[in-house]
Amino acid sequence: MKFQVTEFKTAHEAIEHAVATDGIAVRLNGQNLVVSEDDIDRLMDNGIGFAYLDDRNGTIVTIPVNP
């Protein structure tokens, strides 16, 4: 399956970019990525495991989906 992603070195960079561009920050296969909402739907529909990335008061948290 192919989808449009932007990869970042750190989770923090991915989160910042997602906020600035209305994207969604995720970790997939050890990579910090920003993807579109449509691509998130495709990942979930196909049962692909990933984790949402979020910044909670300076602490990076991951929220697993389809583990």
PDB file of N, CA and C in Angstrom:
ATOM      1  N   MET A   1       0.856  -1.168   0.000  1.00  0.00           N
ATOM      2  CA  MET A   1       0.000   0.000   0.000  1.00  0.00           C
ATOM      3  C   MET A   1       0.904   1.233   0.000  1.00  0.00           C
ATOM      4  N   LYS A   2       0.585   2.186  -0.840  1.00  0.00           N
ATOM      5  CA  LYS A   2       1.344   3.429  -0.914  1.00  0.00           C
ATOM      6  C   LYS A   2       0.499   4.571  -0.379  1.00  0.00           C
ATOM      7  N   PHE A   3       1.160   5.480   0.343  1.00  0.00           N
ATOM      8  CA  PHE A   3       0.495   6.683   0.800  1.00  0.00           C
ATOM      9  C   PHE A   3       1.517   7.781   0.970  1.00  0.00           C
ATOM     10  N   GLN A   4       1.044   9.007   1.031  1.00  0.00           N
ATOM     11  CA  GLN A   4       1.908  10.187   1.107  1.00  0.00           C
ATOM     12  C   GLN A   4       2.325  10.427   2.554  1.00  0.00           C
ATOM     13  N   VAL A   5       3.629  10.441   2.810  1.00  0.00           N
ATOM     14  CA  VAL A   5       4.135  10.693   4.159  1.00  0.00           C
ATOM     15  C   VAL A   5       5.272  11.698   4.107  1.00  0.00           C
ATOM     16  N   THR A   6       5.509  12.331   5.230  1.00  0.00           N
ATOM     17  CA  THR A   6       6.700  13.145   5.433  1.00  0.00           C
ATOM     18  C   THR A   6       7.381  12.576   6.668  1.00  0.00           C
ATOM     19  N   GLU A   7       8.660  12.203   6.542  1.00  0.00           N
ATOM     20  CA  GLU A   7       9.383  11.577   7.647  1.00  0.00           C
ATOM     21  C   GLU A   7      10.229  12.606   8.393  1.00  0.00           C
ATOM     22  N   PHE A   8      10.339  12.421   9.716  1.00  0.00           N
ATOM     23  CA  PHE A   8      11.115  13.316  10.574  1.00  0.00           C
ATOM     24  C   PHE A   8      12.033  12.504  11.474  1.00  0.00           C
ATOM     25  N   LYS A   9      13.150  13.119  11.882  1.00  0.00           N
ATOM     26  CA  LYS A   9      14.108  12.447  12.756  1.00  0.00           C
ATOM     27  C   LYS A   9      13.524  12.182  14.135  1.00  0.00           C
ATOM     28  N   THR A  10      12.733  13.119  14.638  1.00  0.00           N
ATOM     29  CA  THR A  10      12.211  12.969  15.995  1.00  0.00           C
ATOM     30  C   THR A  10      10.686  13.056  16.007  1.00  0.00           C
ATOM     31  N   ALA A  11      10.116  12.497  17.053  1.00  0.00           N
ATOM     32  CA  ALA A  11       8.666  12.589  17.239  1.00  0.00           C
ATOM     33  C   ALA A  11       8.255  14.043  17.423  1.00  0.00           C
ATOM     34  N   HIS A  12       9.056  14.804  18.152  1.00  0.00           N
ATOM     35  CA  HIS A  12       8.736  16.212  18.393  1.00  0.00           C
ATOM     36  C   HIS A  12       8.643  16.990  17.076  1.00  0.00           C
ATOM     37  N   GLU A  13       9.593  16.772  16.168  1.00  0.00           N
ATOM     38  CA  GLU A  13       9.555  17.451  14.866  1.00  0.00           C
ATOM     39  C   GLU A  13       8.301  17.059  14.083  1.00  0.00           C
ATOM     40  N   ALA A  14       7.944  15.780  14.127  1.00  0.00           N
ATOM     41  CA  ALA A  14       6.746  15.317  13.417  1.00  0.00           C
ATOM     42  C   ALA A  14       5.495  15.974  13.987  1.00  0.00           C
ATOM     43  N   ILE A  15       5.410  16.058  15.303  1.00  0.00           N
ATOM     44  CA  ILE A  15       4.249  16.675  15.947  1.00  0.00           C
ATOM     45  C   ILE A  15       4.149  18.146  15.570  1.00  0.00           C
ATOM     46  N   GLU A  16       5.268  18.861  15.623  1.00  0.00           N
ATOM     47  CA  GLU A  16       5.260  20.285  15.260  1.00  0.00           C
ATOM     48  C   GLU A  16       4.786  20.481  13.816  1.00  0.00           C
ATOM     49  N   HIS A  17       5.290  19.647  12.914  1.00  0.00           N
ATOM     50  CA  HIS A  17       4.897  19.766  11.503  1.00  0.00           C
ATOM     51  C   HIS A  17       3.413  19.443  11.325  1.00  0.00           C
ATOM     52  N   ALA A  18       2.940  18.428  12.011  1.00  0.00           N
ATOM     53  CA  ALA A  18       1.528  18.050  11.911  1.00  0.00           C
ATOM     54  C   ALA A  18       0.622  19.187  12.369  1.00  0.00           C
ATOM     55  N   VAL A  19       0.994  19.837  13.454  1.00  0.00           N
ATOM     56  CA  VAL A  19       0.197  20.963  13.962  1.00  0.00           C
ATOM     57  C   VAL A  19       0.176  22.099  12.943  1.00  0.00           C
ATOM     58  N   ALA A  20       1.322  22.363  12.330  1.00  0.00           N
ATOM     59  CA  ALA A  20       1.429  23.478  11.384  1.00  0.00           C
ATOM     60  C   ALA A  20       0.718  23.207  10.057  1.00  0.00           C
ATOM     61  N   THR A  21       0.541  21.930   9.705  1.00  0.00           N
ATOM     62  CA  THR A  21       0.008  21.601   8.380  1.00  0.00           C
ATOM     63  C   THR A  21      -1.322  20.856   8.411  1.00  0.00           C
ATOM     64  N   ASP A  22      -1.919  20.725   9.577  1.00  0.00           N
ATOM     65  CA  ASP A  22      -3.162  19.954   9.736  1.00  0.00           C
ATOM     66  C   ASP A  22      -2.982  18.489   9.364  1.00  0.00           C
ATOM     67  N   GLY A  23      -1.763  17.987   9.499  1.00  0.00           N
ATOM     68  CA  GLY A  23      -1.506  16.566   9.296  1.00  0.00           C
ATOM     69  C   GLY A  23      -1.673  15.823  10.610  1.00  0.00           C
ATOM     70  N   ILE A  24      -1.329  14.543  10.594  1.00  0.00           N
ATOM     71  CA  ILE A  24      -1.424  13.708  11.783  1.00  0.00           C
ATOM     72  C   ILE A  24      -0.070  13.041  11.987  1.00  0.00           C
ATOM     73  N   ALA A  25       0.506  13.219  13.184  1.00  0.00           N
ATOM     74  CA  ALA A  25       1.802  12.635  13.504  1.00  0.00           C
ATOM     75  C   ALA A  25       1.604  11.206  13.999  1.00  0.00           C
ATOM     76  N   VAL A  26       2.377  10.275  13.420  1.00  0.00           N
ATOM     77  CA  VAL A  26       2.297   8.874  13.814  1.00  0.00           C
ATOM     78  C   VAL A  26       3.696   8.265  13.841  1.00  0.00           C
ATOM     79  N   ARG A  27       3.807   7.131  14.535  1.00  0.00           N
ATOM     80  CA  ARG A  27       5.016   6.312  14.448  1.00  0.00           C
ATOM     81  C   ARG A  27       4.592   5.012  13.783  1.00  0.00           C
ATOM     82  N   LEU A  28       5.270   4.690  12.693  1.00  0.00           N
ATOM     83  CA  LEU A  28       4.964   3.495  11.919  1.00  0.00           C
ATOM     84  C   LEU A  28       6.279   2.825  11.560  1.00  0.00           C
ATOM     85  N   ASN A  29       6.432   1.573  11.952  1.00  0.00           N
ATOM     86  CA  ASN A  29       7.675   0.830  11.685  1.00  0.00           C
ATOM     87  C   ASN A  29       8.906   1.584  12.171  1.00  0.00           C
ATOM     88  N   GLY A  30       8.803   2.211  13.342  1.00  0.00           N
ATOM     89  CA  GLY A  30       9.935   2.919  13.927  1.00  0.00           C
ATOM     90  C   GLY A  30      10.224   4.277  13.321  1.00  0.00           C
ATOM     91  N   GLN A  31       9.394   4.728  12.403  1.00  0.00           N
ATOM     92  CA  GLN A  31       9.596   6.026  11.758  1.00  0.00           C
ATOM     93  C   GLN A  31       8.585   7.031  12.288  1.00  0.00           C
ATOM     94  N   ASN A  32       9.040   8.273  12.458  1.00  0.00           N
ATOM     95  CA  ASN A  32       8.172   9.380  12.857  1.00  0.00           C
ATOM     96  C   ASN A  32       7.664  10.044  11.587  1.00  0.00           C
ATOM     97  N   LEU A  33       6.354   9.963  11.359  1.00  0.00           N
ATOM     98  CA  LEU A  33       5.772  10.407  10.100  1.00  0.00           C
ATOM     99  C   LEU A  33       4.627  11.377  10.327  1.00  0.00           C
ATOM    100  N   VAL A  34       4.342  12.171   9.292  1.00  0.00           N
ATOM    101  CA  VAL A  34       3.122  12.968   9.244  1.00  0.00           C
ATOM    102  C   VAL A  34       2.353  12.492   8.021  1.00  0.00           C
ATOM    103  N   VAL A  35       1.088  12.145   8.255  1.00  0.00           N
ATOM    104  CA  VAL A  35       0.232  11.623   7.192  1.00  0.00           C
ATOM    105  C   VAL A  35      -1.092  12.379   7.197  1.00  0.00           C
ATOM    106  N   SER A  36      -1.877  12.160   6.158  1.00  0.00           N
ATOM    107  CA  SER A  36      -3.191  12.797   6.063  1.00  0.00           C
ATOM    108  C   SER A  36      -4.237  11.961   6.800  1.00  0.00           C
ATOM    109  N   GLU A  37      -5.379  12.559   7.045  1.00  0.00           N
ATOM    110  CA  GLU A  37      -6.484  11.838   7.687  1.00  0.00           C
ATOM    111  C   GLU A  37      -6.960  10.683   6.803  1.00  0.00           C
ATOM    112  N   ASP A  38      -6.966  10.885   5.490  1.00  0.00           N
ATOM    113  CA  ASP A  38      -7.346   9.805   4.566  1.00  0.00           C
ATOM    114  C   ASP A  38      -6.403   8.612   4.695  1.00  0.00           C
ATOM    115  N   ASP A  39      -5.101   8.893   4.838  1.00  0.00           N
ATOM    116  CA  ASP A  39      -4.135   7.805   4.980  1.00  0.00           C
ATOM    117  C   ASP A  39      -4.299   7.090   6.317  1.00  0.00           C
ATOM    118  N   ILE A  40      -4.648   7.819   7.368  1.00  0.00           N
ATOM    119  CA  ILE A  40      -4.929   7.183   8.663  1.00  0.00           C
ATOM    120  C   ILE A  40      -6.084   6.206   8.498  1.00  0.00           C
ATOM    121  N   ASP A  41      -7.133   6.630   7.821  1.00  0.00           N
ATOM    122  CA  ASP A  41      -8.289   5.753   7.592  1.00  0.00           C
ATOM    123  C   ASP A  41      -7.870   4.493   6.837  1.00  0.00           C
ATOM    124  N   ARG A  42      -7.014   4.645   5.849  1.00  0.00           N
ATOM    125  CA  ARG A  42      -6.549   3.489   5.070  1.00  0.00           C
ATOM    126  C   ARG A  42      -5.724   2.543   5.928  1.00  0.00           C
ATOM    127  N   LEU A  43      -4.855   3.093   6.791  1.00  0.00           N
ATOM    128  CA  LEU A  43      -4.068   2.250   7.692  1.00  0.00           C
ATOM    129  C   LEU A  43      -4.986   1.448   8.608  1.00  0.00           C
ATOM    130  N   MET A  44      -5.966   2.120   9.209  1.00  0.00           N
ATOM    131  CA  MET A  44      -6.884   1.446  10.125  1.00  0.00           C
ATOM    132  C   MET A  44      -7.728   0.411   9.391  1.00  0.00           C
ATOM    133  N   ASP A  45      -8.241   0.758   8.227  1.00  0.00           N
ATOM    134  CA  ASP A  45      -9.078  -0.165   7.458  1.00  0.00           C
ATOM    135  C   ASP A  45      -8.325  -1.440   7.072  1.00  0.00           C
ATOM    136  N   ASN A  46      -7.007  -1.329   6.904  1.00  0.00           N
ATOM    137  CA  ASN A  46      -6.195  -2.481   6.512  1.00  0.00           C
ATOM    138  C   ASN A  46      -5.536  -3.180   7.694  1.00  0.00           C
ATOM    139  N   GLY A  47      -5.866  -2.753   8.917  1.00  0.00           N
ATOM    140  CA  GLY A  47      -5.352  -3.414  10.114  1.00  0.00           C
ATOM    141  C   GLY A  47      -3.873  -3.225  10.354  1.00  0.00           C
ATOM    142  N   ILE A  48      -3.302  -2.163   9.816  1.00  0.00           N
ATOM    143  CA  ILE A  48      -1.871  -1.900   9.974  1.00  0.00           C
ATOM    144  C   ILE A  48      -1.638  -1.210  11.312  1.00  0.00           C
ATOM    145  N   GLY A  49      -0.704  -1.751  12.096  1.00  0.00           N
ATOM    146  CA  GLY A  49      -0.402  -1.189  13.406  1.00  0.00           C
ATOM    147  C   GLY A  49       0.434   0.073  13.303  1.00  0.00           C
ATOM    148  N   PHE A  50       0.065   1.070  14.072  1.00  0.00           N
ATOM    149  CA  PHE A  50       0.812   2.320  14.159  1.00  0.00           C
ATOM    150  C   PHE A  50       0.462   2.960  15.488  1.00  0.00           C
ATOM    151  N   ALA A  51       1.103   4.072  15.802  1.00  0.00           N
ATOM    152  CA  ALA A  51       0.786   4.802  17.028  1.00  0.00           C
ATOM    153  C   ALA A  51       0.686   6.286  16.713  1.00  0.00           C
ATOM    154  N   TYR A  52      -0.379   6.896  17.205  1.00  0.00           N
ATOM    155  CA  TYR A  52      -0.476   8.353  17.127  1.00  0.00           C
ATOM    156  C   TYR A  52       0.609   8.943  18.018  1.00  0.00           C
ATOM    157  N   LEU A  53       1.173  10.076  17.620  1.00  0.00           N
ATOM    158  CA  LEU A  53       2.137  10.808  18.442  1.00  0.00           C
ATOM    159  C   LEU A  53       1.481  12.084  18.927  1.00  0.00           C
ATOM    160  N   ASP A  54       1.699  12.406  20.196  1.00  0.00           N
ATOM    161  CA  ASP A  54       1.130  13.632  20.744  1.00  0.00           C
ATOM    162  C   ASP A  54       2.078  14.194  21.786  1.00  0.00           C
ATOM    163  N   ASP A  55       2.011  15.491  21.984  1.00  0.00           N
ATOM    164  CA  ASP A  55       2.819  16.184  22.992  1.00  0.00           C
ATOM    165  C   ASP A  55       1.884  16.618  24.107  1.00  0.00           C
ATOM    166  N   ARG A  56       2.070  16.039  25.280  1.00  0.00           N
ATOM    167  CA  ARG A  56       1.257  16.378  26.452  1.00  0.00           C
ATOM    168  C   ARG A  56       2.121  17.156  27.437  1.00  0.00           C
ATOM    169  N   ASN A  57       2.050  18.477  27.327  1.00  0.00           N
ATOM    170  CA  ASN A  57       2.813  19.351  28.228  1.00  0.00           C
ATOM    171  C   ASN A  57       4.299  19.021  28.232  1.00  0.00           C
ATOM    172  N   GLY A  58       4.855  18.819  27.046  1.00  0.00           N
ATOM    173  CA  GLY A  58       6.287  18.580  26.921  1.00  0.00           C
ATOM    174  C   GLY A  58       6.691  17.118  26.959  1.00  0.00           C
ATOM    175  N   THR A  59       5.752  16.218  27.182  1.00  0.00           N
ATOM    176  CA  THR A  59       6.037  14.790  27.194  1.00  0.00           C
ATOM    177  C   THR A  59       5.431  14.151  25.947  1.00  0.00           C
ATOM    178  N   ILE A  60       6.262  13.473  25.165  1.00  0.00           N
ATOM    179  CA  ILE A  60       5.780  12.798  23.966  1.00  0.00           C
ATOM    180  C   ILE A  60       5.090  11.502  24.391  1.00  0.00           C
ATOM    181  N   VAL A  61       3.864  11.310  23.939  1.00  0.00           N
ATOM    182  CA  VAL A  61       3.131  10.080  24.229  1.00  0.00           C
ATOM    183  C   VAL A  61       2.751   9.401  22.918  1.00  0.00           C
ATOM    184  N   THR A  62       2.633   8.080  22.975  1.00  0.00           N
ATOM    185  CA  THR A  62       2.176   7.313  21.823  1.00  0.00           C
ATOM    186  C   THR A  62       0.869   6.624  22.184  1.00  0.00           C
ATOM    187  N   ILE A  63      -0.020   6.561  21.220  1.00  0.00           N
ATOM    188  CA  ILE A  63      -1.325   5.929  21.409  1.00  0.00           C
ATOM    189  C   ILE A  63      -1.445   4.836  20.350  1.00  0.00           C
ATOM    190  N   PRO A  64      -1.249   3.560  20.751  1.00  0.00           N
ATOM    191  CA  PRO A  64      -1.257   2.467  19.779  1.00  0.00           C
ATOM    192  C   PRO A  64      -2.625   2.253  19.130  1.00  0.00           C
ATOM    193  N   VAL A  65      -2.596   1.895  17.854  1.00  0.00           N
ATOM    194  CA  VAL A  65      -3.788   1.561  17.083  1.00  0.00           C
ATOM    195  C   VAL A  65      -3.484   0.267  16.328  1.00  0.00           C
ATOM    196  N   ASN A  66      -4.391  -0.673  16.352  1.00  0.00           N
ATOM    197  CA  ASN A  66      -4.212  -1.971  15.688  1.00  0.00           C
ATOM    198  C   ASN A  66      -2.919  -2.661  16.118  1.00  0.00           C
ATOM    199  N   PRO A  67      -2.667  -2.767  17.437  1.00  0.00           N
ATOM    200  CA  PRO A  67      -1.387  -3.373  17.879  1.00  0.00           C
ATOM    201  C   PRO A  67      -1.238  -4.819  17.475  1.00  0.00           C
TER     202      PRO A  67
END
